[in-house]
């Protein structure tokens, strides 16, 4: 579970390249700052976005703009809107994101979210 020491720094997201990721419908756009054992992303989902997979990775997700639904594989749904956060450790849920009108998120994940079962 090693992570590197990260000295004080700023991230100017306007200078971080965007990558495109196709969903089952719609697009996801990621801007990623990657460190050893830690990933910080600004992620935007287009209107009518549905993730192309069920994710079991742990995340801290902060909704910056818009609204989305985090669907669980058991059918449970959680709606998050601007100002809301969800947190889950690795391997503790199978979830995917869906949005009707688009959303902008801050997503943090890394080794510190490994489940301790």
C-alpha atoms as a PDB file:
ATOM      1  CA  UNK A   1       0.000   0.000   0.000  1.00  0.00           C
ATOM      2  CA  UNK A   2       2.942   2.295  -0.628  1.00  0.00           C
ATOM      3  CA  UNK A   3       2.271   5.845  -1.689  1.00  0.00           C
ATOM      4  CA  UNK A   4       4.832   8.489  -2.408  1.00  0.00           C
ATOM      5  CA  UNK A   5       5.292  11.653  -0.425  1.00  0.00           C
ATOM      6  CA  UNK A   6       3.708  14.426  -2.444  1.00  0.00           C
ATOM      7  CA  UNK A   7       5.227  17.869  -1.918  1.00  0.00           C
ATOM      8  CA  UNK A   8       2.945  20.908  -1.868  1.00  0.00           C
ATOM      9  CA  UNK A   9       1.776  21.689  -5.369  1.00  0.00           C
ATOM     10  CA  UNK A  10      -1.137  23.094  -7.269  1.00  0.00           C
ATOM     11  CA  UNK A  11      -2.986  21.595 -10.204  1.00  0.00           C
ATOM     12  CA  UNK A  12      -4.132  23.977 -12.914  1.00  0.00           C
ATOM     13  CA  UNK A  13      -6.838  21.810 -14.443  1.00  0.00           C
ATOM     14  CA  UNK A  14      -6.972  24.104 -17.504  1.00  0.00           C
ATOM     15  CA  UNK A  15      -3.512  22.766 -18.388  1.00  0.00           C
ATOM     16  CA  UNK A  16      -4.275  19.061 -17.828  1.00  0.00           C
ATOM     17  CA  UNK A  17      -5.130  17.238 -21.079  1.00  0.00           C
ATOM     18  CA  UNK A  18      -8.578  15.661 -21.432  1.00  0.00           C
ATOM     19  CA  UNK A  19      -8.970  12.054 -22.497  1.00  0.00           C
ATOM     20  CA  UNK A  20     -12.185  10.627 -23.940  1.00  0.00           C
ATOM     21  CA  UNK A  21     -13.833   7.420 -22.741  1.00  0.00           C
ATOM     22  CA  UNK A  22     -16.879   6.000 -24.510  1.00  0.00           C
ATOM     23  CA  UNK A  23     -19.758   4.818 -22.304  1.00  0.00           C
ATOM     24  CA  UNK A  24     -22.595   2.437 -23.174  1.00  0.00           C
ATOM     25  CA  UNK A  25     -24.106   5.753 -24.183  1.00  0.00           C
ATOM     26  CA  UNK A  26     -22.531   9.191 -24.064  1.00  0.00           C
ATOM     27  CA  UNK A  27     -18.933  10.154 -23.303  1.00  0.00           C
ATOM     28  CA  UNK A  28     -16.735  10.611 -20.262  1.00  0.00           C
ATOM     29  CA  UNK A  29     -13.932  13.181 -20.312  1.00  0.00           C
ATOM     30  CA  UNK A  30     -11.112  12.731 -17.800  1.00  0.00           C
ATOM     31  CA  UNK A  31      -8.372  15.086 -16.663  1.00  0.00           C
ATOM     32  CA  UNK A  32      -5.997  13.054 -14.525  1.00  0.00           C
ATOM     33  CA  UNK A  33      -3.214  13.811 -12.050  1.00  0.00           C
ATOM     34  CA  UNK A  34      -1.478  10.495 -11.331  1.00  0.00           C
ATOM     35  CA  UNK A  35       0.845   9.778  -8.425  1.00  0.00           C
ATOM     36  CA  UNK A  36       2.170   6.528  -7.001  1.00  0.00           C
ATOM     37  CA  UNK A  37      -0.829   4.965  -5.265  1.00  0.00           C
ATOM     38  CA  UNK A  38      -3.088   7.998  -5.838  1.00  0.00           C
ATOM     39  CA  UNK A  39      -5.180   9.264  -8.761  1.00  0.00           C
ATOM     40  CA  UNK A  40      -7.041  12.604  -8.763  1.00  0.00           C
ATOM     41  CA  UNK A  41      -9.412  13.349 -11.649  1.00  0.00           C
ATOM     42  CA  UNK A  42     -11.891  15.884 -12.893  1.00  0.00           C
ATOM     43  CA  UNK A  43     -14.432  13.803 -14.802  1.00  0.00           C
ATOM     44  CA  UNK A  44     -17.261  15.131 -16.929  1.00  0.00           C
ATOM     45  CA  UNK A  45     -20.042  12.880 -18.199  1.00  0.00           C
ATOM     46  CA  UNK A  46     -22.037  14.052 -21.211  1.00  0.00           C
ATOM     47  CA  UNK A  47     -25.815  14.109 -21.289  1.00  0.00           C
ATOM     48  CA  UNK A  48     -27.337  10.611 -21.470  1.00  0.00           C
ATOM     49  CA  UNK A  49     -24.137   8.993 -20.179  1.00  0.00           C
ATOM     50  CA  UNK A  50     -24.234   5.395 -18.954  1.00  0.00           C
ATOM     51  CA  UNK A  51     -20.950   3.798 -17.849  1.00  0.00           C
ATOM     52  CA  UNK A  52     -19.797   0.858 -19.963  1.00  0.00           C
ATOM     53  CA  UNK A  53     -18.936  -1.319 -16.944  1.00  0.00           C
ATOM     54  CA  UNK A  54     -19.752  -2.127 -13.334  1.00  0.00           C
ATOM     55  CA  UNK A  55     -16.930  -0.777 -11.186  1.00  0.00           C
ATOM     56  CA  UNK A  56     -15.694  -2.343  -7.935  1.00  0.00           C
ATOM     57  CA  UNK A  57     -12.926   0.184  -7.323  1.00  0.00           C
ATOM     58  CA  UNK A  58     -13.044   2.449  -4.293  1.00  0.00           C
ATOM     59  CA  UNK A  59     -13.552   6.171  -4.839  1.00  0.00           C
ATOM     60  CA  UNK A  60     -14.219   9.454  -3.162  1.00  0.00           C
ATOM     61  CA  UNK A  61     -16.565  11.268  -5.551  1.00  0.00           C
ATOM     62  CA  UNK A  62     -17.544  14.925  -5.120  1.00  0.00           C
ATOM     63  CA  UNK A  63     -20.260  16.284  -7.418  1.00  0.00           C
ATOM     64  CA  UNK A  64     -19.107  19.711  -8.625  1.00  0.00           C
ATOM     65  CA  UNK A  65     -21.886  20.490 -11.119  1.00  0.00           C
ATOM     66  CA  UNK A  66     -25.052  18.761 -12.256  1.00  0.00           C
ATOM     67  CA  UNK A  67     -26.517  15.497 -11.024  1.00  0.00           C
ATOM     68  CA  UNK A  68     -25.951  11.784 -11.541  1.00  0.00           C
ATOM     69  CA  UNK A  69     -27.154   8.433 -10.295  1.00  0.00           C
ATOM     70  CA  UNK A  70     -24.804   5.851  -8.873  1.00  0.00           C
ATOM     71  CA  UNK A  71     -26.484   2.534  -9.643  1.00  0.00           C
ATOM     72  CA  UNK A  72     -25.582  -0.546  -7.614  1.00  0.00           C
ATOM     73  CA  UNK A  73     -25.628  -3.974  -9.265  1.00  0.00           C
ATOM     74  CA  UNK A  74     -28.369  -5.018  -6.786  1.00  0.00           C
ATOM     75  CA  UNK A  75     -30.690  -2.337  -8.231  1.00  0.00           C
ATOM     76  CA  UNK A  76     -30.208   0.251  -5.457  1.00  0.00           C
ATOM     77  CA  UNK A  77     -29.740   3.822  -6.744  1.00  0.00           C
ATOM     78  CA  UNK A  78     -28.214   6.892  -5.108  1.00  0.00           C
ATOM     79  CA  UNK A  79     -28.747  10.322  -6.657  1.00  0.00           C
ATOM     80  CA  UNK A  80     -25.974  12.831  -6.074  1.00  0.00           C
ATOM     81  CA  UNK A  81     -26.193  16.508  -6.969  1.00  0.00           C
ATOM     82  CA  UNK A  82     -23.866  19.491  -6.650  1.00  0.00           C
ATOM     83  CA  UNK A  83     -22.198  19.559  -3.238  1.00  0.00           C
ATOM     84  CA  UNK A  84     -22.770  15.867  -2.439  1.00  0.00           C
ATOM     85  CA  UNK A  85     -20.091  13.197  -1.973  1.00  0.00           C
ATOM     86  CA  UNK A  86     -19.938   9.438  -1.884  1.00  0.00           C
ATOM     87  CA  UNK A  87     -17.159   7.277  -0.467  1.00  0.00           C
ATOM     88  CA  UNK A  88     -16.582   3.529  -0.879  1.00  0.00           C
ATOM     89  CA  UNK A  89     -13.576   1.219  -0.463  1.00  0.00           C
ATOM     90  CA  UNK A  90     -12.398  -1.249  -3.124  1.00  0.00           C
ATOM     91  CA  UNK A  91     -14.479  -4.402  -3.588  1.00  0.00           C
ATOM     92  CA  UNK A  92     -17.374  -3.285  -1.332  1.00  0.00           C
ATOM     93  CA  UNK A  93     -19.858  -2.500  -4.110  1.00  0.00           C
ATOM     94  CA  UNK A  94     -20.424  -2.962  -7.799  1.00  0.00           C
ATOM     95  CA  UNK A  95     -21.534   0.422  -9.127  1.00  0.00           C
ATOM     96  CA  UNK A  96     -21.838   2.488 -12.297  1.00  0.00           C
ATOM     97  CA  UNK A  97     -22.638   6.107 -13.101  1.00  0.00           C
ATOM     98  CA  UNK A  98     -25.605   7.340 -15.120  1.00  0.00           C
ATOM     99  CA  UNK A  99     -26.594  10.938 -15.895  1.00  0.00           C
ATOM    100  CA  UNK A 100     -29.409  12.402 -17.930  1.00  0.00           C
ATOM    101  CA  UNK A 101     -28.157  15.985 -18.282  1.00  0.00           C
ATOM    102  CA  UNK A 102     -24.409  15.650 -17.687  1.00  0.00           C
ATOM    103  CA  UNK A 103     -22.284  16.118 -14.578  1.00  0.00           C
ATOM    104  CA  UNK A 104     -18.834  17.290 -13.473  1.00  0.00           C
ATOM    105  CA  UNK A 105     -17.086  15.355 -10.693  1.00  0.00           C
ATOM    106  CA  UNK A 106     -13.893  15.364  -8.659  1.00  0.00           C
ATOM    107  CA  UNK A 107     -12.859  11.721  -8.194  1.00  0.00           C
ATOM    108  CA  UNK A 108     -10.051  10.569  -5.903  1.00  0.00           C
ATOM    109  CA  UNK A 109      -8.962   6.962  -5.668  1.00  0.00           C
ATOM    110  CA  UNK A 110      -5.902   5.033  -4.696  1.00  0.00           C
ATOM    111  CA  UNK A 111      -4.267   2.475  -2.474  1.00  0.00           C
ATOM    112  CA  UNK A 112      -5.682   4.040   0.689  1.00  0.00           C
ATOM    113  CA  UNK A 113      -9.146   2.765  -0.325  1.00  0.00           C
ATOM    114  CA  UNK A 114      -8.198  -0.907  -0.352  1.00  0.00           C
ATOM    115  CA  UNK A 115     -10.761  -2.851   1.651  1.00  0.00           C
ATOM    116  CA  UNK A 116      -9.562  -4.457   4.855  1.00  0.00           C
ATOM    117  CA  UNK A 117     -11.847  -7.467   5.193  1.00  0.00           C
END
